[in-house]
Amino acid sequence: MKVCIPTEGDGGIEDSVGQHFGRVPTYTVVDADTGDVEVFQNTSEHRGGVGLPPDIISKTGTHVMLCGGLGPKAVLMFEEFGIDVFVGAQGTVRDAIEAWKQGSLMEATDENACQEHRQH
C-alpha cells in the first residue's frame, strides 16, 4: 500500500511534513509494505505547472494521503480517485506514517478540512 506525504524539502523519509499541502515542493510516497521510498516534484499549478495536486498524486499509485490539513475541494478530489486522506500529520514522514499506523490521524471530511482553504 502506497502512502503519500507532502514534504517541505527534497523529500524522503526524514523530511518534514509540509503544512501547506498544495504549495510544497515535493511529495514523498512510501510503500508501507516494503518501505520503498519515491519522491515526486510538485508540478501543479500551485507551483507554476499544470494540474492540481490530487491529479498528480493519483498517477503515483497512492492509496492513502497523510497531511497536516487540506481544503474540502482537495478532499473531494482525492475521494474521486479512491485515495483515503488523513489529517493531523506532523514531524517527519516517518513520524506521520507511524501515527497513521497507530490510528492517531483523523480521516479527512468536509467538516475537518482547513477553514482557510474554503471557497467563499
N, C-alpha and C. Protein backbone atom coordinates (compact mmCIF):
# COMPACT_ATOMS: atom_id res chain seq x y z
N MET A 1 0.84 -1.18 0.00
CA MET A 1 0.00 0.00 0.00
C MET A 1 0.89 1.24 0.00
N LYS A 2 0.65 2.14 -0.95
CA LYS A 2 1.45 3.35 -1.06
C LYS A 2 0.80 4.50 -0.29
N VAL A 3 1.64 5.18 0.50
CA VAL A 3 1.21 6.30 1.33
C VAL A 3 1.99 7.54 0.88
N CYS A 4 1.27 8.63 0.61
CA CYS A 4 1.89 9.87 0.14
C CYS A 4 1.82 10.93 1.23
N ILE A 5 2.93 11.68 1.37
CA ILE A 5 3.01 12.76 2.35
C ILE A 5 3.60 13.99 1.66
N PRO A 6 2.98 15.17 1.81
CA PRO A 6 3.57 16.39 1.26
C PRO A 6 4.82 16.73 2.08
N THR A 7 5.93 17.07 1.40
CA THR A 7 7.18 17.31 2.11
C THR A 7 7.75 18.70 1.82
N GLU A 8 8.41 19.24 2.85
CA GLU A 8 8.91 20.62 2.84
C GLU A 8 10.14 20.83 1.96
N GLY A 9 10.98 19.81 1.84
CA GLY A 9 12.25 20.00 1.13
C GLY A 9 12.38 19.09 -0.05
N ASP A 10 13.48 18.32 -0.06
CA ASP A 10 13.78 17.43 -1.17
C ASP A 10 13.06 16.09 -1.07
N GLY A 11 12.26 15.90 -0.01
CA GLY A 11 11.52 14.67 0.16
C GLY A 11 12.34 13.59 0.83
N GLY A 12 11.69 12.48 1.13
CA GLY A 12 12.36 11.36 1.78
C GLY A 12 11.80 11.11 3.17
N ILE A 13 12.17 9.99 3.74
CA ILE A 13 11.60 9.50 5.00
C ILE A 13 11.88 10.43 6.18
N GLU A 14 12.98 11.18 6.14
CA GLU A 14 13.33 12.08 7.25
C GLU A 14 12.96 13.53 6.98
N ASP A 15 12.36 13.82 5.82
CA ASP A 15 11.95 15.19 5.52
C ASP A 15 10.74 15.55 6.38
N SER A 16 10.52 16.84 6.58
CA SER A 16 9.38 17.32 7.37
C SER A 16 8.10 17.30 6.56
N VAL A 17 7.00 17.01 7.24
CA VAL A 17 5.67 17.05 6.61
C VAL A 17 5.37 18.51 6.27
N GLY A 18 5.04 18.77 5.03
CA GLY A 18 4.68 20.12 4.60
C GLY A 18 3.29 20.48 5.07
N GLN A 19 3.14 21.65 5.66
CA GLN A 19 1.84 22.06 6.19
C GLN A 19 1.00 22.84 5.20
N HIS A 20 1.55 23.20 4.05
CA HIS A 20 0.78 23.88 3.00
C HIS A 20 0.68 22.92 1.82
N PHE A 21 -0.25 21.99 1.94
CA PHE A 21 -0.39 20.83 1.06
C PHE A 21 -0.14 21.11 -0.42
N GLY A 22 -0.83 22.06 -1.00
CA GLY A 22 -0.72 22.30 -2.44
C GLY A 22 0.53 23.02 -2.86
N ARG A 23 1.23 23.66 -1.92
CA ARG A 23 2.37 24.50 -2.26
C ARG A 23 3.73 23.88 -1.92
N VAL A 24 3.74 22.67 -1.38
CA VAL A 24 5.02 22.03 -1.04
C VAL A 24 5.82 21.73 -2.31
N PRO A 25 7.16 21.67 -2.20
CA PRO A 25 7.96 21.38 -3.39
C PRO A 25 7.94 19.91 -3.80
N THR A 26 7.70 19.02 -2.84
CA THR A 26 7.76 17.59 -3.14
C THR A 26 6.67 16.81 -2.42
N TYR A 27 6.40 15.62 -2.95
CA TYR A 27 5.52 14.65 -2.30
C TYR A 27 6.34 13.36 -2.18
N THR A 28 6.39 12.82 -0.96
CA THR A 28 7.12 11.59 -0.72
C THR A 28 6.12 10.44 -0.65
N VAL A 29 6.35 9.41 -1.44
CA VAL A 29 5.48 8.23 -1.47
C VAL A 29 6.25 7.06 -0.89
N VAL A 30 5.68 6.46 0.16
CA VAL A 30 6.31 5.33 0.85
C VAL A 30 5.43 4.10 0.69
N ASP A 31 6.02 3.00 0.27
CA ASP A 31 5.30 1.73 0.23
C ASP A 31 5.30 1.18 1.65
N ALA A 32 4.14 1.17 2.30
CA ALA A 32 4.04 0.75 3.70
C ALA A 32 4.39 -0.71 3.89
N ASP A 33 4.34 -1.51 2.82
CA ASP A 33 4.65 -2.93 2.93
C ASP A 33 6.14 -3.20 2.76
N THR A 34 6.77 -2.52 1.80
CA THR A 34 8.18 -2.80 1.50
C THR A 34 9.15 -1.76 2.07
N GLY A 35 8.63 -0.56 2.39
CA GLY A 35 9.49 0.52 2.87
C GLY A 35 10.15 1.30 1.75
N ASP A 36 9.87 0.95 0.47
CA ASP A 36 10.44 1.69 -0.66
C ASP A 36 9.94 3.13 -0.63
N VAL A 37 10.82 4.07 -0.98
CA VAL A 37 10.50 5.49 -0.95
C VAL A 37 10.72 6.09 -2.34
N GLU A 38 9.74 6.86 -2.81
CA GLU A 38 9.86 7.61 -4.07
C GLU A 38 9.52 9.05 -3.77
N VAL A 39 10.17 9.98 -4.46
CA VAL A 39 9.89 11.40 -4.29
C VAL A 39 9.45 11.97 -5.64
N PHE A 40 8.36 12.72 -5.59
CA PHE A 40 7.81 13.35 -6.80
C PHE A 40 7.80 14.86 -6.60
N GLN A 41 8.21 15.59 -7.63
CA GLN A 41 8.16 17.04 -7.60
C GLN A 41 6.70 17.49 -7.72
N ASN A 42 6.37 18.57 -7.03
CA ASN A 42 5.05 19.16 -7.15
C ASN A 42 5.06 20.04 -8.40
N THR A 43 4.52 19.51 -9.48
CA THR A 43 4.49 20.25 -10.75
C THR A 43 3.11 20.84 -11.01
N SER A 44 2.32 21.01 -9.94
CA SER A 44 0.95 21.51 -10.08
C SER A 44 0.93 23.01 -10.39
N GLU A 45 -0.26 23.49 -10.69
CA GLU A 45 -0.43 24.91 -10.99
C GLU A 45 -0.08 25.78 -9.78
N HIS A 46 -0.11 25.22 -8.56
CA HIS A 46 0.26 25.97 -7.37
C HIS A 46 1.74 26.35 -7.39
N ARG A 47 2.53 25.62 -8.19
CA ARG A 47 3.97 25.88 -8.27
C ARG A 47 4.37 26.27 -9.69
N GLY A 48 3.41 26.80 -10.46
CA GLY A 48 3.70 27.28 -11.80
C GLY A 48 3.57 26.24 -12.90
N GLY A 49 3.09 25.04 -12.53
CA GLY A 49 2.94 23.98 -13.52
C GLY A 49 1.51 23.85 -14.00
N VAL A 50 1.11 22.62 -14.24
CA VAL A 50 -0.22 22.33 -14.76
C VAL A 50 -0.90 21.30 -13.88
N GLY A 51 -2.21 21.45 -13.72
CA GLY A 51 -2.99 20.48 -12.96
C GLY A 51 -2.99 20.76 -11.48
N LEU A 52 -3.73 19.93 -10.75
CA LEU A 52 -3.86 20.06 -9.30
C LEU A 52 -3.17 18.89 -8.62
N PRO A 53 -2.70 19.08 -7.38
CA PRO A 53 -2.00 18.00 -6.69
C PRO A 53 -2.72 16.65 -6.69
N PRO A 54 -4.03 16.58 -6.45
CA PRO A 54 -4.66 15.25 -6.47
C PRO A 54 -4.51 14.53 -7.81
N ASP A 55 -4.53 15.30 -8.92
CA ASP A 55 -4.32 14.70 -10.25
C ASP A 55 -2.94 14.07 -10.33
N ILE A 56 -1.94 14.81 -9.89
CA ILE A 56 -0.55 14.35 -9.95
C ILE A 56 -0.36 13.12 -9.05
N ILE A 57 -0.85 13.23 -7.82
CA ILE A 57 -0.66 12.16 -6.84
C ILE A 57 -1.39 10.89 -7.25
N SER A 58 -2.55 11.02 -7.90
CA SER A 58 -3.31 9.83 -8.31
C SER A 58 -2.51 8.97 -9.29
N LYS A 59 -1.60 9.59 -10.03
CA LYS A 59 -0.80 8.86 -11.02
C LYS A 59 0.38 8.11 -10.40
N THR A 60 0.62 8.28 -9.08
CA THR A 60 1.76 7.63 -8.42
C THR A 60 1.39 6.27 -7.83
N GLY A 61 0.11 5.90 -7.91
CA GLY A 61 -0.32 4.63 -7.32
C GLY A 61 -0.63 4.74 -5.84
N THR A 62 -0.75 5.97 -5.35
CA THR A 62 -1.03 6.23 -3.94
C THR A 62 -2.41 5.72 -3.54
N HIS A 63 -2.47 5.10 -2.36
CA HIS A 63 -3.73 4.63 -1.78
C HIS A 63 -4.19 5.54 -0.64
N VAL A 64 -3.22 6.13 0.08
CA VAL A 64 -3.51 6.93 1.27
C VAL A 64 -2.66 8.20 1.24
N MET A 65 -3.28 9.33 1.57
CA MET A 65 -2.58 10.61 1.69
C MET A 65 -2.58 11.03 3.15
N LEU A 66 -1.42 11.34 3.69
CA LEU A 66 -1.29 11.84 5.06
C LEU A 66 -0.81 13.28 4.98
N CYS A 67 -1.52 14.20 5.63
CA CYS A 67 -1.09 15.60 5.58
C CYS A 67 -1.53 16.33 6.84
N GLY A 68 -1.01 17.54 7.00
CA GLY A 68 -1.41 18.35 8.14
C GLY A 68 -2.87 18.74 8.00
N GLY A 69 -3.24 19.16 6.83
CA GLY A 69 -4.61 19.56 6.53
C GLY A 69 -4.70 19.95 5.07
N LEU A 70 -5.91 20.05 4.57
CA LEU A 70 -6.13 20.49 3.20
C LEU A 70 -7.58 20.89 3.06
N GLY A 71 -7.88 21.59 1.99
CA GLY A 71 -9.23 22.11 1.80
C GLY A 71 -10.22 21.06 1.35
N PRO A 72 -11.52 21.38 1.49
CA PRO A 72 -12.57 20.41 1.15
C PRO A 72 -12.58 20.02 -0.32
N LYS A 73 -12.18 20.93 -1.23
CA LYS A 73 -12.15 20.60 -2.65
C LYS A 73 -11.14 19.48 -2.90
N ALA A 74 -9.96 19.58 -2.26
CA ALA A 74 -8.93 18.55 -2.42
C ALA A 74 -9.40 17.23 -1.82
N VAL A 75 -10.06 17.29 -0.67
CA VAL A 75 -10.59 16.06 -0.04
C VAL A 75 -11.52 15.35 -1.02
N LEU A 76 -12.42 16.11 -1.64
CA LEU A 76 -13.37 15.52 -2.60
C LEU A 76 -12.65 14.96 -3.82
N MET A 77 -11.63 15.66 -4.30
CA MET A 77 -10.90 15.16 -5.47
C MET A 77 -10.20 13.83 -5.14
N PHE A 78 -9.59 13.77 -3.96
CA PHE A 78 -8.92 12.52 -3.57
C PHE A 78 -9.95 11.39 -3.45
N GLU A 79 -11.12 11.68 -2.89
CA GLU A 79 -12.17 10.67 -2.79
C GLU A 79 -12.55 10.15 -4.17
N GLU A 80 -12.64 11.05 -5.15
CA GLU A 80 -12.98 10.65 -6.52
C GLU A 80 -11.92 9.70 -7.10
N PHE A 81 -10.67 9.87 -6.69
CA PHE A 81 -9.59 9.00 -7.15
C PHE A 81 -9.46 7.74 -6.30
N GLY A 82 -10.29 7.62 -5.26
CA GLY A 82 -10.24 6.45 -4.40
C GLY A 82 -9.07 6.48 -3.42
N ILE A 83 -8.57 7.68 -3.12
CA ILE A 83 -7.46 7.84 -2.18
C ILE A 83 -8.01 8.32 -0.85
N ASP A 84 -7.71 7.58 0.22
CA ASP A 84 -8.14 7.97 1.56
C ASP A 84 -7.20 9.05 2.09
N VAL A 85 -7.76 10.08 2.73
CA VAL A 85 -6.96 11.19 3.25
C VAL A 85 -7.08 11.24 4.76
N PHE A 86 -5.93 11.38 5.42
CA PHE A 86 -5.88 11.53 6.87
C PHE A 86 -5.16 12.83 7.19
N VAL A 87 -5.72 13.60 8.13
CA VAL A 87 -5.14 14.90 8.52
C VAL A 87 -4.57 14.82 9.93
N GLY A 88 -3.73 15.81 10.24
CA GLY A 88 -3.10 15.88 11.55
C GLY A 88 -1.66 15.41 11.54
N ALA A 89 -1.13 15.09 10.35
CA ALA A 89 0.26 14.63 10.25
C ALA A 89 1.21 15.78 10.57
N GLN A 90 2.28 15.45 11.29
CA GLN A 90 3.31 16.44 11.60
C GLN A 90 4.62 15.73 11.87
N GLY A 91 5.68 16.52 12.03
CA GLY A 91 7.01 15.93 12.23
C GLY A 91 7.60 15.48 10.91
N THR A 92 8.26 14.34 10.92
CA THR A 92 8.87 13.80 9.70
C THR A 92 7.90 12.86 8.99
N VAL A 93 8.27 12.47 7.79
CA VAL A 93 7.48 11.49 7.05
C VAL A 93 7.36 10.21 7.88
N ARG A 94 8.49 9.78 8.48
CA ARG A 94 8.48 8.59 9.32
C ARG A 94 7.47 8.74 10.49
N ASP A 95 7.46 9.93 11.13
CA ASP A 95 6.53 10.20 12.24
C ASP A 95 5.08 10.09 11.76
N ALA A 96 4.80 10.67 10.58
CA ALA A 96 3.44 10.67 10.04
C ALA A 96 2.96 9.25 9.76
N ILE A 97 3.82 8.44 9.18
CA ILE A 97 3.43 7.06 8.86
C ILE A 97 3.20 6.27 10.14
N GLU A 98 4.04 6.48 11.14
CA GLU A 98 3.87 5.79 12.42
C GLU A 98 2.55 6.19 13.08
N ALA A 99 2.24 7.50 13.06
CA ALA A 99 0.99 7.99 13.64
C ALA A 99 -0.22 7.37 12.92
N TRP A 100 -0.12 7.27 11.59
CA TRP A 100 -1.20 6.68 10.80
C TRP A 100 -1.37 5.20 11.15
N LYS A 101 -0.26 4.48 11.24
CA LYS A 101 -0.33 3.06 11.58
C LYS A 101 -0.93 2.84 12.96
N GLN A 102 -0.69 3.79 13.88
CA GLN A 102 -1.21 3.68 15.24
C GLN A 102 -2.65 4.18 15.36
N GLY A 103 -3.19 4.69 14.25
CA GLY A 103 -4.57 5.19 14.27
C GLY A 103 -4.72 6.56 14.90
N SER A 104 -3.62 7.33 14.96
CA SER A 104 -3.65 8.65 15.61
C SER A 104 -4.12 9.78 14.69
N LEU A 105 -4.15 9.54 13.38
CA LEU A 105 -4.58 10.59 12.45
C LEU A 105 -6.07 10.43 12.14
N MET A 106 -6.72 11.56 11.89
CA MET A 106 -8.15 11.57 11.64
C MET A 106 -8.43 11.55 10.14
N GLU A 107 -9.40 10.74 9.73
CA GLU A 107 -9.77 10.71 8.31
C GLU A 107 -10.38 12.06 7.94
N ALA A 108 -9.98 12.59 6.80
CA ALA A 108 -10.44 13.91 6.35
C ALA A 108 -11.90 13.85 5.90
N THR A 109 -12.63 14.87 6.30
CA THR A 109 -14.02 15.06 5.87
C THR A 109 -14.20 16.53 5.53
N ASP A 110 -15.33 16.87 4.96
CA ASP A 110 -15.62 18.28 4.68
C ASP A 110 -15.63 19.08 5.99
N GLU A 111 -16.06 18.46 7.07
CA GLU A 111 -16.17 19.16 8.35
C GLU A 111 -14.81 19.51 8.95
N ASN A 112 -13.79 18.66 8.75
CA ASN A 112 -12.50 18.97 9.37
C ASN A 112 -11.46 19.48 8.37
N ALA A 113 -11.91 19.82 7.15
CA ALA A 113 -11.00 20.41 6.17
C ALA A 113 -10.58 21.79 6.65
N CYS A 114 -9.43 22.25 6.19
CA CYS A 114 -8.89 23.55 6.62
C CYS A 114 -9.86 24.69 6.29
N GLN A 115 -10.16 25.48 7.28
CA GLN A 115 -11.07 26.61 7.09
C GLN A 115 -10.48 27.65 6.11
N GLU A 116 -9.16 27.85 6.17
CA GLU A 116 -8.58 28.88 5.31
C GLU A 116 -8.55 28.46 3.85
N HIS A 117 -8.82 27.18 3.56
CA HIS A 117 -8.85 26.73 2.17
C HIS A 117 -10.26 26.70 1.59
N ARG A 118 -11.24 27.08 2.37
CA ARG A 118 -12.62 27.06 1.89
C ARG A 118 -12.85 28.19 0.88
N GLN A 119 -13.66 27.90 -0.14
CA GLN A 119 -14.04 28.93 -1.11
C GLN A 119 -15.25 29.69 -0.55
N HIS A 120 -15.21 30.99 -0.62
CA HIS A 120 -16.34 31.78 -0.11
C HIS A 120 -17.10 32.41 -1.24
